[in-house]
C-alpha cells in the first residue's frame, strides 16, 4: 500500500507590506502600498487594509492612488525583504529538507516522512505557522494536502493567517464550485474562452467529455482533467542552484558573549551544511553576517580549499571569523548573527590542481542526515545545541 503524501504550501500574507508594517508600527492597521512611487510605478504589494479599496499587486501606482488616496505609499526595500525571507526559510528547513522555494515568500514542503516524529500534517502546519510568527512576527497561510496543486489552492482559501486542509475525501466538494481560474495556467483570456464553451467552474471541466476537453485544451486536456479531479503527481523539488545558502537569526536581547554566539553559529552551520548535502553541493567560501546593536550590518568571509559540506568545518571557519571580529571590536554587542556559504562545487568534484585534504565525511553528519530524512529535520540535535 502506497503511503499518501503530505504536502504543505506556505505563503506569507501580503509579505512586503507586512514587513513594512512590522518595521513601522505607526503603519499597522493602515492601507500600506509598496512599489514604484513615480508616475509610471507599479504596485508590488498591498496590505489587506489597502485591498479593501481595490488596490492589488501589478496595478499602476497612479491607479492605486486614485482608489486609495489616503494610503501609505512606500518604496520597495528588497534587501530587507530578503533578510526576512531567509528567516522564514530557516523555519521551513527546521521542519524538513524537502523544500521547494517558489519566491521570497512562499514554498512547498514535503512532510510525508516528518509525520513519524511530528504527528499529522495538520499538526505540522500549525507548528510551522507558530515558528514563523515567533521568528519574524509575521503571519503565513498554510495549505495542507496530498499534492502540490491542492496544497497551493488550500493556502489561498482562508487568507490571512489561515490553515486549510484538503483531503481525498473533501477535495471534490471544495473544488467543484470554484471558478476555472483557480486551475493553474488559466488566466483571464483562457477563462473567457472556457466560458464560451460553457466551462465556468471546475465541476464543469470535471464532467466534460473527452472530446470537448481536447478541443479546448489540445494536448493539455488530460492535465486539466486531472487537476479538476484534484490529481497532481508532481514531486516537491529541492533546488540547488542558489548562489548562496545561509541561515541567520535575530536575538531578543543584544549579545556579546563568545560562547553564546558560537553556539548560535553551530546551529546555523548545522542547518546550512544539511542544505548543502541535500543539494549535492560543497562550499569554498564561508561568511559570517553580523548586525550590531545600532543596526550597523557587516559581513566577514573566508575562502578555503578543498570545498566542504561538513558541519564542523563550516562552523570552525565561521567561529574563527567571529573571534577575530570580536577581538577587533571590544564592547560591541550584536543583535543578529548568520552563517552563509557560497562559491559552490558539485559534491564529488575535485580541483585537479589541488591536493585533496578533505577529511572523511563526518560520521555524525551522516547519522543525523539519515535520522532526519526518516523522522524530520528536528528529530536529532547535536549535544552542544541542547
Protein backbone atom coordinates (compact mmCIF):
# COMPACT_ATOMS: atom_id res chain seq x y z
CA UNK A 1 0.00 0.00 0.00
CA UNK A 2 1.39 3.39 -1.04
CA UNK A 3 1.64 5.96 1.74
CA UNK A 4 -0.36 9.08 0.97
CA UNK A 5 1.83 12.11 0.54
CA UNK A 6 1.60 15.11 2.85
CA UNK A 7 2.44 18.41 1.18
CA UNK A 8 2.35 21.89 2.71
CA UNK A 9 2.23 25.15 0.80
CA UNK A 10 3.24 28.09 2.98
CA UNK A 11 2.52 31.59 1.71
CA UNK A 12 3.38 34.73 3.67
CA UNK A 13 0.49 37.18 3.97
CA UNK A 14 0.97 40.44 1.97
CA UNK A 15 4.67 39.91 2.54
CA UNK A 16 6.31 43.20 1.54
CA UNK A 17 3.54 45.30 3.05
CA UNK A 18 3.52 43.21 6.22
CA UNK A 19 7.28 43.69 6.65
CA UNK A 20 6.76 47.45 6.35
CA UNK A 21 4.03 47.36 8.99
CA UNK A 22 6.28 45.25 11.21
CA UNK A 23 9.18 47.69 10.94
CA UNK A 24 6.95 50.78 11.19
CA UNK A 25 4.34 50.22 13.92
CA UNK A 26 2.70 53.54 13.05
CA UNK A 27 1.57 51.97 9.75
CA UNK A 28 -0.19 48.99 11.32
CA UNK A 29 -3.88 48.95 10.54
CA UNK A 30 -3.39 51.43 7.71
CA UNK A 31 -3.56 50.76 3.95
CA UNK A 32 0.09 50.23 3.00
CA UNK A 33 1.07 50.07 -0.67
CA UNK A 34 4.62 49.04 -1.61
CA UNK A 35 6.03 49.65 -5.08
CA UNK A 36 7.23 52.23 -7.53
CA UNK A 37 6.17 55.67 -6.33
CA UNK A 38 6.66 57.53 -9.63
CA UNK A 39 4.03 58.25 -12.26
CA UNK A 40 4.84 55.03 -14.08
CA UNK A 41 5.33 52.94 -10.94
CA UNK A 42 3.63 49.60 -10.30
CA UNK A 43 2.31 48.18 -7.03
CA UNK A 44 4.45 45.30 -5.73
CA UNK A 45 2.33 44.53 -2.67
CA UNK A 46 -0.71 45.86 -0.86
CA UNK A 47 -1.73 45.28 2.74
CA UNK A 48 -5.13 43.76 3.39
CA UNK A 49 -6.33 47.18 4.53
CA UNK A 50 -5.39 48.56 1.09
CA UNK A 51 -7.02 45.67 -0.76
CA UNK A 52 -10.39 46.74 0.63
CA UNK A 53 -10.11 49.80 -1.65
CA UNK A 54 -9.40 47.71 -4.75
CA UNK A 55 -5.62 48.04 -4.63
CA UNK A 56 -3.64 44.97 -5.72
CA UNK A 57 -0.21 43.93 -6.96
CA UNK A 58 0.78 44.65 -10.57
CA UNK A 59 -1.60 47.62 -10.58
CA UNK A 60 -0.29 51.03 -11.77
CA UNK A 61 0.59 53.14 -8.74
CA UNK A 62 -1.33 56.07 -10.21
CA UNK A 63 -4.50 53.97 -10.23
CA UNK A 64 -3.83 52.79 -6.66
CA UNK A 65 -3.55 56.43 -5.55
CA UNK A 66 -6.91 57.18 -7.14
CA UNK A 67 -8.56 54.28 -5.36
CA UNK A 68 -6.79 54.84 -2.05
CA UNK A 69 -5.54 58.45 -1.87
CA UNK A 70 -5.06 58.22 1.90
CA UNK A 71 -2.84 55.13 1.62
CA UNK A 72 0.73 54.91 2.86
CA UNK A 73 2.87 54.58 -0.28
CA UNK A 74 6.36 53.17 0.34
CA UNK A 75 9.29 52.21 -1.93
CA UNK A 76 10.48 48.63 -2.25
CA UNK A 77 13.22 47.60 0.23
CA UNK A 78 14.31 44.35 -1.37
CA UNK A 79 17.35 43.81 0.87
CA UNK A 80 15.09 43.89 3.93
CA UNK A 81 12.56 41.51 2.38
CA UNK A 82 15.36 39.07 1.53
CA UNK A 83 16.58 39.28 5.12
CA UNK A 84 13.15 38.34 6.49
CA UNK A 85 12.73 35.72 3.77
CA UNK A 86 15.87 33.95 4.99
CA UNK A 87 14.36 33.77 8.47
CA UNK A 88 11.16 32.31 7.02
CA UNK A 89 13.04 29.69 5.02
CA UNK A 90 15.07 28.80 8.11
CA UNK A 91 11.74 27.82 9.67
CA UNK A 92 10.93 25.66 6.64
CA UNK A 93 14.25 23.84 6.91
CA UNK A 94 13.76 23.24 10.62
CA UNK A 95 10.76 21.15 9.60
CA UNK A 96 12.15 19.28 6.58
CA UNK A 97 14.91 19.31 3.98
CA UNK A 98 12.33 18.79 1.25
CA UNK A 99 11.63 22.46 0.49
CA UNK A 100 10.90 23.92 -2.92
CA UNK A 101 11.01 27.68 -2.80
CA UNK A 102 8.79 29.47 -5.31
CA UNK A 103 9.66 33.06 -4.35
CA UNK A 104 10.86 35.03 -1.34
CA UNK A 105 7.58 34.44 0.46
CA UNK A 106 6.26 31.00 -0.48
CA UNK A 107 7.37 27.40 -0.73
CA UNK A 108 6.23 23.80 -0.90
CA UNK A 109 7.28 21.41 1.87
CA UNK A 110 7.02 17.63 1.62
CA UNK A 111 6.39 16.50 5.20
CA UNK A 112 5.38 12.93 4.35
CA UNK A 113 8.20 11.38 6.40
CA UNK A 114 8.02 14.00 9.16
CA UNK A 115 4.72 12.58 10.37
CA UNK A 116 6.52 9.71 12.08
CA UNK A 117 8.01 12.14 14.58
CA UNK A 118 5.88 15.30 14.49
CA UNK A 119 2.37 13.92 14.04
CA UNK A 120 -0.15 14.54 11.31
CA UNK A 121 0.39 17.08 8.55
CA UNK A 122 -2.18 19.41 10.10
CA UNK A 123 -0.18 19.47 13.34
CA UNK A 124 2.99 20.21 11.40
CA UNK A 125 1.22 23.02 9.56
CA UNK A 126 0.14 24.70 12.79
CA UNK A 127 3.63 24.26 14.20
CA UNK A 128 5.17 25.88 11.13
CA UNK A 129 2.85 28.87 11.41
CA UNK A 130 3.86 29.30 15.04
CA UNK A 131 7.56 29.08 14.22
CA UNK A 132 7.26 31.76 11.53
CA UNK A 133 5.27 34.03 13.85
CA UNK A 134 7.80 33.62 16.65
CA UNK A 135 10.81 34.09 14.36
CA UNK A 136 9.60 37.04 12.28
CA UNK A 137 6.48 38.49 13.90
CA UNK A 138 4.61 37.85 10.63
CA UNK A 139 1.77 35.52 9.67
CA UNK A 140 1.66 32.86 6.99
CA UNK A 141 -1.23 30.99 5.43
CA UNK A 142 -0.68 27.25 5.02
CA UNK A 143 -2.39 24.71 2.82
CA UNK A 144 -2.22 21.02 3.73
CA UNK A 145 -2.99 18.43 1.07
CA UNK A 146 -1.84 15.21 -0.61
CA UNK A 147 -0.33 17.07 -3.58
CA UNK A 148 1.12 20.40 -4.68
CA UNK A 149 -1.87 21.70 -6.63
CA UNK A 150 -4.29 21.16 -3.76
CA UNK A 151 -1.84 22.49 -1.15
CA UNK A 152 -1.33 25.75 -3.05
CA UNK A 153 -5.04 26.11 -3.62
CA UNK A 154 -5.76 25.47 0.06
CA UNK A 155 -3.31 28.12 1.28
CA UNK A 156 -5.29 30.77 -0.61
CA UNK A 157 -8.75 29.80 0.67
CA UNK A 158 -8.57 31.41 4.13
CA UNK A 159 -6.15 34.33 3.98
CA UNK A 160 -4.70 35.92 6.00
CA UNK A 161 -3.26 33.68 8.73
CA UNK A 162 -5.27 30.64 7.70
CA UNK A 163 -4.71 26.89 7.63
CA UNK A 164 -6.88 24.83 5.28
CA UNK A 165 -6.78 21.07 4.87
CA UNK A 166 -7.78 19.32 1.66
CA UNK A 167 -8.04 15.54 1.67
CA UNK A 168 -9.03 12.87 -0.80
CA UNK A 169 -12.40 12.81 0.96
CA UNK A 170 -13.25 16.53 0.87
CA UNK A 171 -11.32 17.78 -2.15
CA UNK A 172 -14.09 17.45 -4.74
CA UNK A 173 -16.72 19.24 -2.68
CA UNK A 174 -14.32 22.18 -2.37
CA UNK A 175 -13.00 22.10 -5.93
CA UNK A 176 -16.26 21.73 -7.86
CA UNK A 177 -17.85 25.15 -7.18
CA UNK A 178 -14.62 27.11 -7.72
CA UNK A 179 -14.19 29.14 -10.93
CA UNK A 180 -11.95 27.69 -13.63
CA UNK A 181 -9.44 30.48 -12.96
CA UNK A 182 -8.40 28.53 -9.84
CA UNK A 183 -6.69 25.97 -12.07
CA UNK A 184 -3.01 26.64 -12.71
CA UNK A 185 -2.44 28.17 -16.12
CA UNK A 186 -5.94 29.60 -16.58
CA UNK A 187 -5.66 33.38 -16.95
CA UNK A 188 -8.29 35.96 -17.87
CA UNK A 189 -8.11 35.26 -21.61
CA UNK A 190 -8.30 31.49 -21.12
CA UNK A 191 -11.15 31.92 -18.65
CA UNK A 192 -13.19 33.93 -21.17
CA UNK A 193 -12.59 31.28 -23.82
CA UNK A 194 -13.66 28.49 -21.47
CA UNK A 195 -16.84 30.40 -20.64
CA UNK A 196 -17.67 30.42 -24.36
CA UNK A 197 -17.72 26.62 -24.17
CA UNK A 198 -19.89 26.65 -21.05
CA UNK A 199 -16.98 25.75 -18.78
CA UNK A 200 -17.26 28.17 -15.86
CA UNK A 201 -16.46 26.05 -12.82
CA UNK A 202 -14.06 23.23 -12.04
CA UNK A 203 -17.10 20.97 -11.83
CA UNK A 204 -17.88 21.74 -15.48
CA UNK A 205 -14.39 20.65 -16.53
CA UNK A 206 -14.55 17.51 -14.42
CA UNK A 207 -17.84 16.46 -16.02
CA UNK A 208 -16.96 17.49 -19.58
CA UNK A 209 -16.45 14.72 -22.14
CA UNK A 210 -13.02 13.95 -23.55
CA UNK A 211 -13.80 15.35 -26.98
CA UNK A 212 -14.69 18.80 -25.64
CA UNK A 213 -11.62 18.92 -23.41
CA UNK A 214 -9.37 18.02 -26.35
CA UNK A 215 -10.98 20.78 -28.43
CA UNK A 216 -10.47 23.34 -25.66
CA UNK A 217 -7.11 22.32 -24.19
CA UNK A 218 -5.46 20.41 -27.01
CA UNK A 219 -2.58 18.21 -25.84
CA UNK A 220 -3.00 19.56 -22.28
CA UNK A 221 -6.52 18.16 -21.88
CA UNK A 222 -5.50 15.28 -19.58
CA UNK A 223 -3.52 17.67 -17.36
CA UNK A 224 -6.53 19.91 -16.76
CA UNK A 225 -8.85 16.95 -16.40
CA UNK A 226 -6.60 15.62 -13.65
CA UNK A 227 -6.40 18.99 -11.89
CA UNK A 228 -10.18 19.23 -11.91
CA UNK A 229 -10.18 15.91 -10.04
CA UNK A 230 -7.51 17.05 -7.60
CA UNK A 231 -4.84 14.81 -9.13
CA UNK A 232 -1.25 16.08 -9.30
CA UNK A 233 1.71 13.69 -9.30
CA UNK A 234 4.49 16.29 -9.34
CA UNK A 235 7.02 15.99 -6.55
CA UNK A 236 8.49 18.70 -4.34
CA UNK A 237 11.86 19.52 -5.89
CA UNK A 238 14.51 20.98 -3.56
CA UNK A 239 16.57 23.41 -5.59
CA UNK A 240 20.36 23.60 -5.50
CA UNK A 241 21.04 26.45 -7.94
CA UNK A 242 21.31 29.03 -5.16
CA UNK A 243 24.28 31.38 -5.45
CA UNK A 244 24.48 31.28 -1.66
CA UNK A 245 22.97 29.24 1.16
CA UNK A 246 22.66 30.83 4.57
CA UNK A 247 20.92 30.83 7.93
CA UNK A 248 20.55 33.63 10.48
CA UNK A 249 18.53 34.79 13.45
CA UNK A 250 17.84 37.97 15.42
CA UNK A 251 18.22 37.93 19.21
CA UNK A 252 15.65 39.10 21.76
CA UNK A 253 18.46 40.97 23.55
CA UNK A 254 21.87 42.10 22.25
CA UNK A 255 24.69 39.60 22.85
CA UNK A 256 28.49 39.78 23.05
CA UNK A 257 29.36 36.54 24.85
CA UNK A 258 31.61 34.49 22.55
CA UNK A 259 30.35 31.11 23.78
CA UNK A 260 26.71 32.04 23.28
CA UNK A 261 27.40 33.43 19.81
CA UNK A 262 29.47 30.34 18.94
CA UNK A 263 26.58 28.09 19.87
CA UNK A 264 24.31 30.04 17.55
CA UNK A 265 26.91 29.72 14.78
CA UNK A 266 26.98 25.95 15.31
CA UNK A 267 23.20 25.85 14.89
CA UNK A 268 23.48 27.78 11.62
CA UNK A 269 26.39 25.62 10.42
CA UNK A 270 24.27 22.53 11.07
CA UNK A 271 21.35 24.00 9.09
CA UNK A 272 23.46 25.22 6.17
CA UNK A 273 25.60 22.10 5.85
CA UNK A 274 22.48 19.93 5.75
CA UNK A 275 21.09 22.05 2.91
CA UNK A 276 24.39 21.73 1.05
CA UNK A 277 24.33 17.94 1.34
CA UNK A 278 20.70 17.74 0.25
CA UNK A 279 21.59 19.84 -2.79
CA UNK A 280 24.71 17.81 -3.55
CA UNK A 281 26.95 20.86 -3.07
CA UNK A 282 30.13 21.83 -1.28
CA UNK A 283 31.21 25.39 -0.49
CA UNK A 284 34.57 27.09 -0.92
CA UNK A 285 33.52 30.22 0.99
CA UNK A 286 32.04 30.77 4.44
CA UNK A 287 30.73 34.14 5.61
CA UNK A 288 29.56 35.47 8.95
CA UNK A 289 26.84 38.12 8.94
CA UNK A 290 26.79 40.46 11.95
CA UNK A 291 24.36 43.21 12.86
CA UNK A 292 25.38 45.48 15.72
CA UNK A 293 23.05 46.91 18.33
CA UNK A 294 22.98 50.18 16.37
CA UNK A 295 21.81 48.22 13.28
CA UNK A 296 25.17 48.52 11.51
CA UNK A 297 25.37 45.49 9.21
CA UNK A 298 28.63 43.87 8.10
CA UNK A 299 29.92 40.62 6.68
CA UNK A 300 33.21 38.80 7.13
CA UNK A 301 34.13 35.92 4.78
CA UNK A 302 36.90 33.44 4.15
CA UNK A 303 37.56 31.10 1.22
CA UNK A 304 39.33 27.77 1.53
CA UNK A 305 40.29 24.56 -0.25
CA UNK A 306 39.09 21.91 -0.52
CA UNK A 307 35.39 22.74 -0.55
CA UNK A 308 33.29 21.30 2.27
CA UNK A 309 29.75 20.34 3.22
CA UNK A 310 30.69 19.28 6.77
CA UNK A 311 29.11 20.97 9.75
CA UNK A 312 32.21 21.28 11.88
CA UNK A 313 34.37 22.56 9.01
CA UNK A 314 31.93 25.37 8.29
CA UNK A 315 31.50 26.04 12.00
CA UNK A 316 35.21 26.37 12.75
CA UNK A 317 35.76 28.64 9.74
CA UNK A 318 32.89 30.88 10.86
CA UNK A 319 33.90 30.79 14.50
CA UNK A 320 37.38 32.00 13.57
CA UNK A 321 35.89 34.97 11.71
CA UNK A 322 33.66 35.78 14.69
CA UNK A 323 36.50 35.60 17.21
CA UNK A 324 38.70 37.88 15.12
CA UNK A 325 35.92 40.46 14.78
CA UNK A 326 35.08 40.42 18.49
CA UNK A 327 38.75 40.96 19.36
CA UNK A 328 38.89 43.92 16.98
CA UNK A 329 35.65 45.41 18.31
CA UNK A 330 35.66 45.28 22.12
CA UNK A 331 32.43 46.15 23.92
CA UNK A 332 30.29 45.97 20.76
CA UNK A 333 27.17 43.83 21.08
CA UNK A 334 25.26 42.02 18.35
CA UNK A 335 21.54 41.77 17.63
CA UNK A 336 21.86 39.29 14.73
CA UNK A 337 24.29 36.63 13.59
CA UNK A 338 24.21 34.49 10.48
CA UNK A 339 26.34 31.98 8.60
CA UNK A 340 26.44 31.82 4.81
CA UNK A 341 28.18 29.74 2.17
CA UNK A 342 29.00 30.46 -1.48
CA UNK A 343 31.34 29.56 -4.34
CA UNK A 344 29.93 26.06 -4.75
CA UNK A 345 31.09 22.95 -6.49
CA UNK A 346 29.17 19.74 -7.01
CA UNK A 347 29.84 17.13 -4.35
CA UNK A 348 32.38 14.66 -5.70
CA UNK A 349 34.02 17.28 -7.90
CA UNK A 350 37.69 17.95 -7.06
CA UNK A 351 40.21 20.52 -8.17
CA UNK A 352 42.65 18.63 -10.38
CA UNK A 353 45.44 21.01 -9.39
CA UNK A 354 44.83 20.86 -5.64
CA UNK A 355 45.91 18.06 -3.39
CA UNK A 356 42.73 16.84 -1.76
CA UNK A 357 42.93 17.05 2.01
CA UNK A 358 39.28 16.97 2.95
CA UNK A 359 38.60 14.66 5.85
CA UNK A 360 36.33 11.68 5.50
CA UNK A 361 32.63 12.54 5.69
CA UNK A 362 31.67 13.47 9.23
CA UNK A 363 30.09 10.36 10.77
CA UNK A 364 27.78 12.43 12.95
CA UNK A 365 26.58 14.37 9.89
CA UNK A 366 25.84 11.07 8.17
CA UNK A 367 23.93 9.65 11.13
CA UNK A 368 21.94 12.86 11.60
CA UNK A 369 21.12 13.06 7.88
CA UNK A 370 19.80 9.50 7.98
CA UNK A 371 17.67 10.09 11.07
CA UNK A 372 16.34 13.44 9.83
CA UNK A 373 15.45 12.02 6.43
CA UNK A 374 13.38 9.35 8.14
CA UNK A 375 11.85 11.32 11.01
CA UNK A 376 12.12 15.02 10.14
CA UNK A 377 14.60 17.88 10.45
CA UNK A 378 14.23 18.24 14.24
CA UNK A 379 14.49 14.54 15.04
CA UNK A 380 18.10 14.79 16.22
CA UNK A 381 20.31 17.59 17.56
CA UNK A 382 23.97 17.89 18.40
CA UNK A 383 24.65 17.69 22.10
CA UNK A 384 26.24 21.18 22.12
CA UNK A 385 22.94 22.63 20.90
CA UNK A 386 20.79 21.19 23.66
